[in-house]
Amino acid sequence: MEISDTFQITLKLGGQTFSLDIKRNEELFYRDAEKLINKRYSYYANRYPGQSVTTYLLMTVLEIAVNLQKQEASGNLKPIMDTLNSLINEVNTVLK
């Protein structure tokens, strides 16, 4: 039996569940991204109570994007940006 290069994982981001088909060798990146997003989501939820899930997720995405832009300005982050754009496209596909 041949093992596929891709498989399905389930991520929980801000209380919302997402099932994604990913490359096996990228699973750790997705798991680490899930932890980072949930950590920052919790920060914003505690700091600004009473907002919507969407607001917390958008604040989280904005913070991460600003940090990536800062890093990109100080060096070559093309591989990281390419991976991030791929993740964004995958999430957008799932959300549609």
PDB file of N, CA and C in Angstrom:
ATOM      1  N   MET A   1       0.833  -1.174   0.000  1.00  0.00           N
ATOM      2  CA  MET A   1       0.000   0.000   0.000  1.00  0.00           C
ATOM      3  C   MET A   1       0.884   1.246   0.000  1.00  0.00           C
ATOM      4  N   GLU A   2       0.610   2.167  -0.896  1.00  0.00           N
ATOM      5  CA  GLU A   2       1.391   3.392  -1.033  1.00  0.00           C
ATOM      6  C   GLU A   2       0.809   4.500  -0.154  1.00  0.00           C
ATOM      7  N   ILE A   3       1.707   5.207   0.531  1.00  0.00           N
ATOM      8  CA  ILE A   3       1.281   6.317   1.381  1.00  0.00           C
ATOM      9  C   ILE A   3       1.220   7.583   0.537  1.00  0.00           C
ATOM     10  N   SER A   4       0.114   8.297   0.631  1.00  0.00           N
ATOM     11  CA  SER A   4      -0.087   9.525  -0.132  1.00  0.00           C
ATOM     12  C   SER A   4       0.788  10.648   0.416  1.00  0.00           C
ATOM     13  N   ASP A   5       1.162  11.585  -0.457  1.00  0.00           N
ATOM     14  CA  ASP A   5       1.931  12.756  -0.041  1.00  0.00           C
ATOM     15  C   ASP A   5       1.071  13.755   0.711  1.00  0.00           C
ATOM     16  N   THR A   6      -0.244  13.626   0.595  1.00  0.00           N
ATOM     17  CA  THR A   6      -1.150  14.542   1.284  1.00  0.00           C
ATOM     18  C   THR A   6      -2.085  13.767   2.194  1.00  0.00           C
ATOM     19  N   PHE A   7      -2.601  14.455   3.172  1.00  0.00           N
ATOM     20  CA  PHE A   7      -3.608  13.865   4.037  1.00  0.00           C
ATOM     21  C   PHE A   7      -4.416  14.983   4.677  1.00  0.00           C
ATOM     22  N   GLN A   8      -5.485  14.625   5.347  1.00  0.00           N
ATOM     23  CA  GLN A   8      -6.394  15.619   5.916  1.00  0.00           C
ATOM     24  C   GLN A   8      -6.123  15.788   7.407  1.00  0.00           C
ATOM     25  N   ILE A   9      -6.057  17.051   7.825  1.00  0.00           N
ATOM     26  CA  ILE A   9      -5.935  17.355   9.248  1.00  0.00           C
ATOM     27  C   ILE A   9      -7.082  18.283   9.629  1.00  0.00           C
ATOM     28  N   THR A  10      -7.339  18.340  10.914  1.00  0.00           N
ATOM     29  CA  THR A  10      -8.354  19.240  11.443  1.00  0.00           C
ATOM     30  C   THR A  10      -7.664  20.211  12.385  1.00  0.00           C
ATOM     31  N   LEU A  11      -7.903  21.490  12.148  1.00  0.00           N
ATOM     32  CA  LEU A  11      -7.352  22.537  12.990  1.00  0.00           C
ATOM     33  C   LEU A  11      -8.499  23.276  13.654  1.00  0.00           C
ATOM     34  N   LYS A  12      -8.267  23.727  14.869  1.00  0.00           N
ATOM     35  CA  LYS A  12      -9.255  24.533  15.571  1.00  0.00           C
ATOM     36  C   LYS A  12      -8.644  25.908  15.779  1.00  0.00           C
ATOM     37  N   LEU A  13      -9.243  26.911  15.133  1.00  0.00           N
ATOM     38  CA  LEU A  13      -8.742  28.283  15.184  1.00  0.00           C
ATOM     39  C   LEU A  13      -9.830  29.188  15.728  1.00  0.00           C
ATOM     40  N   GLY A  14      -9.579  29.756  16.887  1.00  0.00           N
ATOM     41  CA  GLY A  14     -10.567  30.640  17.483  1.00  0.00           C
ATOM     42  C   GLY A  14     -11.905  29.976  17.703  1.00  0.00           C
ATOM     43  N   GLY A  15     -11.883  28.710  18.066  1.00  0.00           N
ATOM     44  CA  GLY A  15     -13.126  27.987  18.314  1.00  0.00           C
ATOM     45  C   GLY A  15     -13.811  27.456  17.066  1.00  0.00           C
ATOM     46  N   GLN A  16     -13.246  27.746  15.909  1.00  0.00           N
ATOM     47  CA  GLN A  16     -13.810  27.263  14.653  1.00  0.00           C
ATOM     48  C   GLN A  16     -12.949  26.111  14.137  1.00  0.00           C
ATOM     49  N   THR A  17     -13.574  25.089  13.606  1.00  0.00           N
ATOM     50  CA  THR A  17     -12.869  23.907  13.134  1.00  0.00           C
ATOM     51  C   THR A  17     -12.731  23.939  11.614  1.00  0.00           C
ATOM     52  N   PHE A  18     -11.528  23.613  11.152  1.00  0.00           N
ATOM     53  CA  PHE A  18     -11.223  23.581   9.725  1.00  0.00           C
ATOM     54  C   PHE A  18     -10.576  22.250   9.373  1.00  0.00           C
ATOM     55  N   SER A  19     -11.057  21.624   8.311  1.00  0.00           N
ATOM     56  CA  SER A  19     -10.423  20.418   7.789  1.00  0.00           C
ATOM     57  C   SER A  19      -9.698  20.800   6.510  1.00  0.00           C
ATOM     58  N   LEU A  20      -8.419  20.451   6.460  1.00  0.00           N
ATOM     59  CA  LEU A  20      -7.589  20.817   5.315  1.00  0.00           C
ATOM     60  C   LEU A  20      -6.840  19.611   4.784  1.00  0.00           C
ATOM     61  N   ASP A  21      -6.658  19.574   3.482  1.00  0.00           N
ATOM     62  CA  ASP A  21      -5.770  18.600   2.866  1.00  0.00           C
ATOM     63  C   ASP A  21      -4.407  19.268   2.727  1.00  0.00           C
ATOM     64  N   ILE A  22      -3.383  18.661   3.339  1.00  0.00           N
ATOM     65  CA  ILE A  22      -2.056  19.266   3.339  1.00  0.00           C
ATOM     66  C   ILE A  22      -1.008  18.230   2.942  1.00  0.00           C
ATOM     67  N   LYS A  23       0.185  18.714   2.634  1.00  0.00           N
ATOM     68  CA  LYS A  23       1.320  17.828   2.390  1.00  0.00           C
ATOM     69  C   LYS A  23       1.799  17.299   3.733  1.00  0.00           C
ATOM     70  N   ARG A  24       2.122  16.018   3.767  1.00  0.00           N
ATOM     71  CA  ARG A  24       2.552  15.394   5.020  1.00  0.00           C
ATOM     72  C   ARG A  24       3.742  16.113   5.646  1.00  0.00           C
ATOM     73  N   ASN A  25       4.674  16.556   4.805  1.00  0.00           N
ATOM     74  CA  ASN A  25       5.887  17.184   5.338  1.00  0.00           C
ATOM     75  C   ASN A  25       5.645  18.611   5.838  1.00  0.00           C
ATOM     76  N   GLU A  26       4.420  19.119   5.723  1.00  0.00           N
ATOM     77  CA  GLU A  26       4.090  20.457   6.209  1.00  0.00           C
ATOM     78  C   GLU A  26       3.217  20.434   7.461  1.00  0.00           C
ATOM     79  N   GLU A  27       2.932  19.255   7.978  1.00  0.00           N
ATOM     80  CA  GLU A  27       2.025  19.164   9.128  1.00  0.00           C
ATOM     81  C   GLU A  27       2.523  19.979  10.317  1.00  0.00           C
ATOM     82  N   LEU A  28       3.792  19.907  10.635  1.00  0.00           N
ATOM     83  CA  LEU A  28       4.322  20.645  11.783  1.00  0.00           C
ATOM     84  C   LEU A  28       4.111  22.145  11.626  1.00  0.00           C
ATOM     85  N   PHE A  29       4.257  22.670  10.410  1.00  0.00           N
ATOM     86  CA  PHE A  29       4.023  24.091  10.168  1.00  0.00           C
ATOM     87  C   PHE A  29       2.576  24.466  10.477  1.00  0.00           C
ATOM     88  N   TYR A  30       1.646  23.619  10.049  1.00  0.00           N
ATOM     89  CA  TYR A  30       0.231  23.874  10.310  1.00  0.00           C
ATOM     90  C   TYR A  30      -0.079  23.793  11.806  1.00  0.00           C
ATOM     91  N   ARG A  31       0.488  22.813  12.471  1.00  0.00           N
ATOM     92  CA  ARG A  31       0.244  22.660  13.913  1.00  0.00           C
ATOM     93  C   ARG A  31       0.827  23.848  14.687  1.00  0.00           C
ATOM     94  N   ASP A  32       2.030  24.281  14.306  1.00  0.00           N
ATOM     95  CA  ASP A  32       2.640  25.438  14.965  1.00  0.00           C
ATOM     96  C   ASP A  32       1.855  26.715  14.675  1.00  0.00           C
ATOM     97  N   ALA A  33       1.363  26.849  13.444  1.00  0.00           N
ATOM     98  CA  ALA A  33       0.544  28.014  13.089  1.00  0.00           C
ATOM     99  C   ALA A  33      -0.745  28.014  13.907  1.00  0.00           C
ATOM    100  N   GLU A  34      -1.350  26.852  14.084  1.00  0.00           N
ATOM    101  CA  GLU A  34      -2.564  26.730  14.896  1.00  0.00           C
ATOM    102  C   GLU A  34      -2.294  27.215  16.322  1.00  0.00           C
ATOM    103  N   LYS A  35      -1.171  26.792  16.906  1.00  0.00           N
ATOM    104  CA  LYS A  35      -0.824  27.211  18.268  1.00  0.00           C
ATOM    105  C   LYS A  35      -0.614  28.724  18.342  1.00  0.00           C
ATOM    106  N   LEU A  36       0.107  29.278  17.375  1.00  0.00           N
ATOM    107  CA  LEU A  36       0.363  30.717  17.355  1.00  0.00           C
ATOM    108  C   LEU A  36      -0.934  31.503  17.233  1.00  0.00           C
ATOM    109  N   ILE A  37      -1.780  31.114  16.301  1.00  0.00           N
ATOM    110  CA  ILE A  37      -3.049  31.810  16.086  1.00  0.00           C
ATOM    111  C   ILE A  37      -3.909  31.760  17.344  1.00  0.00           C
ATOM    112  N   ASN A  38      -4.020  30.593  17.953  1.00  0.00           N
ATOM    113  CA  ASN A  38      -4.860  30.463  19.153  1.00  0.00           C
ATOM    114  C   ASN A  38      -4.284  31.231  20.334  1.00  0.00           C
ATOM    115  N   LYS A  39      -2.966  31.289  20.443  1.00  0.00           N
ATOM    116  CA  LYS A  39      -2.336  32.064  21.518  1.00  0.00           C
ATOM    117  C   LYS A  39      -2.658  33.552  21.358  1.00  0.00           C
ATOM    118  N   ARG A  40      -2.494  34.078  20.150  1.00  0.00           N
ATOM    119  CA  ARG A  40      -2.761  35.497  19.904  1.00  0.00           C
ATOM    120  C   ARG A  40      -4.258  35.782  19.973  1.00  0.00           C
ATOM    121  N   TYR A  41      -5.087  34.852  19.493  1.00  0.00           N
ATOM    122  CA  TYR A  41      -6.547  34.982  19.587  1.00  0.00           C
ATOM    123  C   TYR A  41      -6.952  35.133  21.059  1.00  0.00           C
ATOM    124  N   SER A  42      -6.411  34.283  21.913  1.00  0.00           N
ATOM    125  CA  SER A  42      -6.731  34.346  23.344  1.00  0.00           C
ATOM    126  C   SER A  42      -6.298  35.681  23.948  1.00  0.00           C
ATOM    127  N   TYR A  43      -5.146  36.179  23.519  1.00  0.00           N
ATOM    128  CA  TYR A  43      -4.674  37.471  23.995  1.00  0.00           C
ATOM    129  C   TYR A  43      -5.702  38.553  23.677  1.00  0.00           C
ATOM    130  N   TYR A  44      -6.149  38.610  22.423  1.00  0.00           N
ATOM    131  CA  TYR A  44      -7.110  39.644  22.023  1.00  0.00           C
ATOM    132  C   TYR A  44      -8.469  39.435  22.678  1.00  0.00           C
ATOM    133  N   ALA A  45      -8.895  38.189  22.833  1.00  0.00           N
ATOM    134  CA  ALA A  45     -10.180  37.917  23.476  1.00  0.00           C
ATOM    135  C   ALA A  45     -10.164  38.369  24.937  1.00  0.00           C
ATOM    136  N   ASN A  46      -9.033  38.198  25.610  1.00  0.00           N
ATOM    137  CA  ASN A  46      -8.914  38.641  27.003  1.00  0.00           C
ATOM    138  C   ASN A  46      -8.737  40.152  27.105  1.00  0.00           C
ATOM    139  N   ARG A  47      -8.028  40.718  26.156  1.00  0.00           N
ATOM    140  CA  ARG A  47      -7.726  42.157  26.183  1.00  0.00           C
ATOM    141  C   ARG A  47      -8.941  43.006  25.793  1.00  0.00           C
ATOM    142  N   TYR A  48      -9.730  42.505  24.834  1.00  0.00           N
ATOM    143  CA  TYR A  48     -10.891  43.246  24.321  1.00  0.00           C
ATOM    144  C   TYR A  48     -12.142  42.375  24.396  1.00  0.00           C
ATOM    145  N   PRO A  49     -12.661  42.128  25.592  1.00  0.00           N
ATOM    146  CA  PRO A  49     -13.830  41.246  25.726  1.00  0.00           C
ATOM    147  C   PRO A  49     -15.064  41.802  25.012  1.00  0.00           C
ATOM    148  N   GLY A  50     -15.931  40.870  24.593  1.00  0.00           N
ATOM    149  CA  GLY A  50     -17.203  41.256  24.007  1.00  0.00           C
ATOM    150  C   GLY A  50     -17.189  41.432  22.503  1.00  0.00           C
ATOM    151  N   GLN A  51     -16.050  41.173  21.847  1.00  0.00           N
ATOM    152  CA  GLN A  51     -15.974  41.298  20.393  1.00  0.00           C
ATOM    153  C   GLN A  51     -16.369  39.970  19.740  1.00  0.00           C
ATOM    154  N   SER A  52     -16.525  39.989  18.438  1.00  0.00           N
ATOM    155  CA  SER A  52     -16.907  38.772  17.719  1.00  0.00           C
ATOM    156  C   SER A  52     -15.684  37.896  17.437  1.00  0.00           C
ATOM    157  N   VAL A  53     -15.946  36.637  17.149  1.00  0.00           N
ATOM    158  CA  VAL A  53     -14.892  35.703  16.751  1.00  0.00           C
ATOM    159  C   VAL A  53     -14.144  36.270  15.549  1.00  0.00           C
ATOM    160  N   THR A  54     -14.877  36.804  14.593  1.00  0.00           N
ATOM    161  CA  THR A  54     -14.269  37.377  13.392  1.00  0.00           C
ATOM    162  C   THR A  54     -13.317  38.512  13.746  1.00  0.00           C
ATOM    163  N   THR A  55     -13.719  39.366  14.657  1.00  0.00           N
ATOM    164  CA  THR A  55     -12.865  40.489  15.067  1.00  0.00           C
ATOM    165  C   THR A  55     -11.563  39.978  15.673  1.00  0.00           C
ATOM    166  N   TYR A  56     -11.655  38.995  16.558  1.00  0.00           N
ATOM    167  CA  TYR A  56     -10.436  38.445  17.171  1.00  0.00           C
ATOM    168  C   TYR A  56      -9.533  37.794  16.132  1.00  0.00           C
ATOM    169  N   LEU A  57     -10.138  37.059  15.210  1.00  0.00           N
ATOM    170  CA  LEU A  57      -9.326  36.416  14.165  1.00  0.00           C
ATOM    171  C   LEU A  57      -8.670  37.450  13.259  1.00  0.00           C
ATOM    172  N   LEU A  58      -9.408  38.513  12.927  1.00  0.00           N
ATOM    173  CA  LEU A  58      -8.832  39.554  12.088  1.00  0.00           C
ATOM    174  C   LEU A  58      -7.711  40.302  12.797  1.00  0.00           C
ATOM    175  N   MET A  59      -7.877  40.554  14.080  1.00  0.00           N
ATOM    176  CA  MET A  59      -6.818  41.208  14.845  1.00  0.00           C
ATOM    177  C   MET A  59      -5.570  40.320  14.886  1.00  0.00           C
ATOM    178  N   THR A  60      -5.792  39.031  15.042  1.00  0.00           N
ATOM    179  CA  THR A  60      -4.695  38.067  15.058  1.00  0.00           C
ATOM    180  C   THR A  60      -3.978  38.033  13.718  1.00  0.00           C
ATOM    181  N   VAL A  61      -4.734  37.950  12.636  1.00  0.00           N
ATOM    182  CA  VAL A  61      -4.147  37.928  11.296  1.00  0.00           C
ATOM    183  C   VAL A  61      -3.371  39.212  11.024  1.00  0.00           C
ATOM    184  N   LEU A  62      -3.934  40.339  11.428  1.00  0.00           N
ATOM    185  CA  LEU A  62      -3.254  41.616  11.226  1.00  0.00           C
ATOM    186  C   LEU A  62      -1.916  41.640  11.966  1.00  0.00           C
ATOM    187  N   GLU A  63      -1.906  41.221  13.214  1.00  0.00           N
ATOM    188  CA  GLU A  63      -0.661  41.201  13.977  1.00  0.00           C
ATOM    189  C   GLU A  63       0.396  40.323  13.315  1.00  0.00           C
ATOM    190  N   ILE A  64       0.001  39.125  12.900  1.00  0.00           N
ATOM    191  CA  ILE A  64       0.943  38.201  12.263  1.00  0.00           C
ATOM    192  C   ILE A  64       1.441  38.776  10.941  1.00  0.00           C
ATOM    193  N   ALA A  65       0.548  39.370  10.162  1.00  0.00           N
ATOM    194  CA  ALA A  65       0.943  39.951   8.870  1.00  0.00           C
ATOM    195  C   ALA A  65       1.907  41.124   9.062  1.00  0.00           C
ATOM    196  N   VAL A  66       1.648  41.969  10.063  1.00  0.00           N
ATOM    197  CA  VAL A  66       2.548  43.095  10.332  1.00  0.00           C
ATOM    198  C   VAL A  66       3.927  42.574  10.735  1.00  0.00           C
ATOM    199  N   ASN A  67       3.954  41.566  11.591  1.00  0.00           N
ATOM    200  CA  ASN A  67       5.239  40.986  11.984  1.00  0.00           C
ATOM    201  C   ASN A  67       5.982  40.395  10.791  1.00  0.00           C
ATOM    202  N   LEU A  68       5.272  39.744   9.889  1.00  0.00           N
ATOM    203  CA  LEU A  68       5.909  39.207   8.681  1.00  0.00           C
ATOM    204  C   LEU A  68       6.435  40.322   7.791  1.00  0.00           C
ATOM    205  N   GLN A  69       5.673  41.401   7.674  1.00  0.00           N
ATOM    206  CA  GLN A  69       6.124  42.534   6.863  1.00  0.00           C
ATOM    207  C   GLN A  69       7.394  43.142   7.444  1.00  0.00           C
ATOM    208  N   LYS A  70       7.454  43.255   8.756  1.00  0.00           N
ATOM    209  CA  LYS A  70       8.656  43.778   9.421  1.00  0.00           C
ATOM    210  C   LYS A  70       9.855  42.874   9.145  1.00  0.00           C
ATOM    211  N   GLN A  71       9.639  41.582   9.260  1.00  0.00           N
ATOM    212  CA  GLN A  71      10.720  40.630   9.010  1.00  0.00           C
ATOM    213  C   GLN A  71      11.139  40.662   7.549  1.00  0.00           C
ATOM    214  N   GLU A  72      10.166  40.783   6.661  1.00  0.00           N
ATOM    215  CA  GLU A  72      10.472  40.834   5.236  1.00  0.00           C
ATOM    216  C   GLU A  72      11.292  42.082   4.910  1.00  0.00           C
ATOM    217  N   ALA A  73      10.983  43.191   5.557  1.00  0.00           N
ATOM    218  CA  ALA A  73      11.722  44.433   5.321  1.00  0.00           C
ATOM    219  C   ALA A  73      13.167  44.327   5.798  1.00  0.00           C
ATOM    220  N   SER A  74      13.407  43.465   6.776  1.00  0.00           N
ATOM    221  CA  SER A  74      14.756  43.331   7.314  1.00  0.00           C
ATOM    222  C   SER A  74      15.542  42.176   6.696  1.00  0.00           C
ATOM    223  N   GLY A  75      14.952  41.420   5.813  1.00  0.00           N
ATOM    224  CA  GLY A  75      15.645  40.292   5.193  1.00  0.00           C
ATOM    225  C   GLY A  75      14.777  39.598   4.172  1.00  0.00           C
ATOM    226  N   ASN A  76      15.306  38.497   3.640  1.00  0.00           N
ATOM    227  CA  ASN A  76      14.601  37.757   2.597  1.00  0.00           C
ATOM    228  C   ASN A  76      13.689  36.695   3.211  1.00  0.00           C
ATOM    229  N   LEU A  77      12.398  36.946   3.162  1.00  0.00           N
ATOM    230  CA  LEU A  77      11.423  35.994   3.680  1.00  0.00           C
ATOM    231  C   LEU A  77      10.543  35.407   2.585  1.00  0.00           C
ATOM    232  N   LYS A  78      11.003  35.441   1.367  1.00  0.00           N
ATOM    233  CA  LYS A  78      10.189  34.948   0.262  1.00  0.00           C
ATOM    234  C   LYS A  78       9.660  33.539   0.514  1.00  0.00           C
ATOM    235  N   PRO A  79      10.506  32.581   0.973  1.00  0.00           N
ATOM    236  CA  PRO A  79       9.957  31.240   1.224  1.00  0.00           C
ATOM    237  C   PRO A  79       8.846  31.230   2.268  1.00  0.00           C
ATOM    238  N   ILE A  80       8.999  32.035   3.322  1.00  0.00           N
ATOM    239  CA  ILE A  80       7.973  32.091   4.363  1.00  0.00           C
ATOM    240  C   ILE A  80       6.705  32.739   3.824  1.00  0.00           C
ATOM    241  N   MET A  81       6.871  33.813   3.058  1.00  0.00           N
ATOM    242  CA  MET A  81       5.708  34.489   2.480  1.00  0.00           C
ATOM    243  C   MET A  81       4.979  33.579   1.500  1.00  0.00           C
ATOM    244  N   ASP A  82       5.730  32.808   0.715  1.00  0.00           N
ATOM    245  CA  ASP A  82       5.114  31.870  -0.218  1.00  0.00           C
ATOM    246  C   ASP A  82       4.289  30.833   0.537  1.00  0.00           C
ATOM    247  N   THR A  83       4.848  30.321   1.634  1.00  0.00           N
ATOM    248  CA  THR A  83       4.131  29.337   2.448  1.00  0.00           C
ATOM    249  C   THR A  83       2.895  29.959   3.075  1.00  0.00           C
ATOM    250  N   LEU A  84       3.027  31.178   3.601  1.00  0.00           N
ATOM    251  CA  LEU A  84       1.883  31.870   4.192  1.00  0.00           C
ATOM    252  C   LEU A  84       0.781  32.091   3.167  1.00  0.00           C
ATOM    253  N   ASN A  85       1.152  32.532   1.967  1.00  0.00           N
ATOM    254  CA  ASN A  85       0.154  32.733   0.915  1.00  0.00           C
ATOM    255  C   ASN A  85      -0.530  31.428   0.544  1.00  0.00           C
ATOM    256  N   SER A  86       0.230  30.345   0.535  1.00  0.00           N
ATOM    257  CA  SER A  86      -0.354  29.032   0.256  1.00  0.00           C
ATOM    258  C   SER A  86      -1.360  28.651   1.344  1.00  0.00           C
ATOM    259  N   LEU A  87      -1.008  28.902   2.610  1.00  0.00           N
ATOM    260  CA  LEU A  87      -1.916  28.615   3.721  1.00  0.00           C
ATOM    261  C   LEU A  87      -3.183  29.456   3.627  1.00  0.00           C
ATOM    262  N   ILE A  88      -3.020  30.720   3.296  1.00  0.00           N
ATOM    263  CA  ILE A  88      -4.168  31.614   3.162  1.00  0.00           C
ATOM    264  C   ILE A  88      -5.099  31.118   2.055  1.00  0.00           C
ATOM    265  N   ASN A  89      -4.525  30.723   0.931  1.00  0.00           N
ATOM    266  CA  ASN A  89      -5.337  30.204  -0.175  1.00  0.00           C
ATOM    267  C   ASN A  89      -6.078  28.948   0.232  1.00  0.00           C
ATOM    268  N   GLU A  90      -5.412  28.070   0.997  1.00  0.00           N
ATOM    269  CA  GLU A  90      -6.039  26.834   1.449  1.00  0.00           C
ATOM    270  C   GLU A  90      -7.214  27.136   2.382  1.00  0.00           C
ATOM    271  N   VAL A  91      -7.029  28.055   3.313  1.00  0.00           N
ATOM    272  CA  VAL A  91      -8.100  28.434   4.245  1.00  0.00           C
ATOM    273  C   VAL A  91      -9.249  29.082   3.480  1.00  0.00           C
ATOM    274  N   ASN A  92      -8.943  29.959   2.519  1.00  0.00           N
ATOM    275  CA  ASN A  92      -9.992  30.587   1.710  1.00  0.00           C
ATOM    276  C   ASN A  92     -10.786  29.556   0.945  1.00  0.00           C
ATOM    277  N   THR A  93     -10.125  28.527   0.442  1.00  0.00           N
ATOM    278  CA  THR A  93     -10.811  27.461  -0.284  1.00  0.00           C
ATOM    279  C   THR A  93     -11.781  26.731   0.638  1.00  0.00           C
ATOM    280  N   VAL A  94     -11.338  26.443   1.857  1.00  0.00           N
ATOM    281  CA  VAL A  94     -12.188  25.750   2.820  1.00  0.00           C
ATOM    282  C   VAL A  94     -13.375  26.620   3.218  1.00  0.00           C
ATOM    283  N   LEU A  95     -13.141  27.917   3.365  1.00  0.00           N
ATOM    284  CA  LEU A  95     -14.213  28.809   3.787  1.00  0.00           C
ATOM    285  C   LEU A  95     -15.269  29.033   2.707  1.00  0.00           C
ATOM    286  N   LYS A  96     -14.941  28.828   1.449  1.00  0.00           N
ATOM    287  CA  LYS A  96     -15.905  29.031   0.366  1.00  0.00           C
ATOM    288  C   LYS A  96     -16.836  27.900   0.264  1.00  0.00           C
TER     289      LYS A  96
END
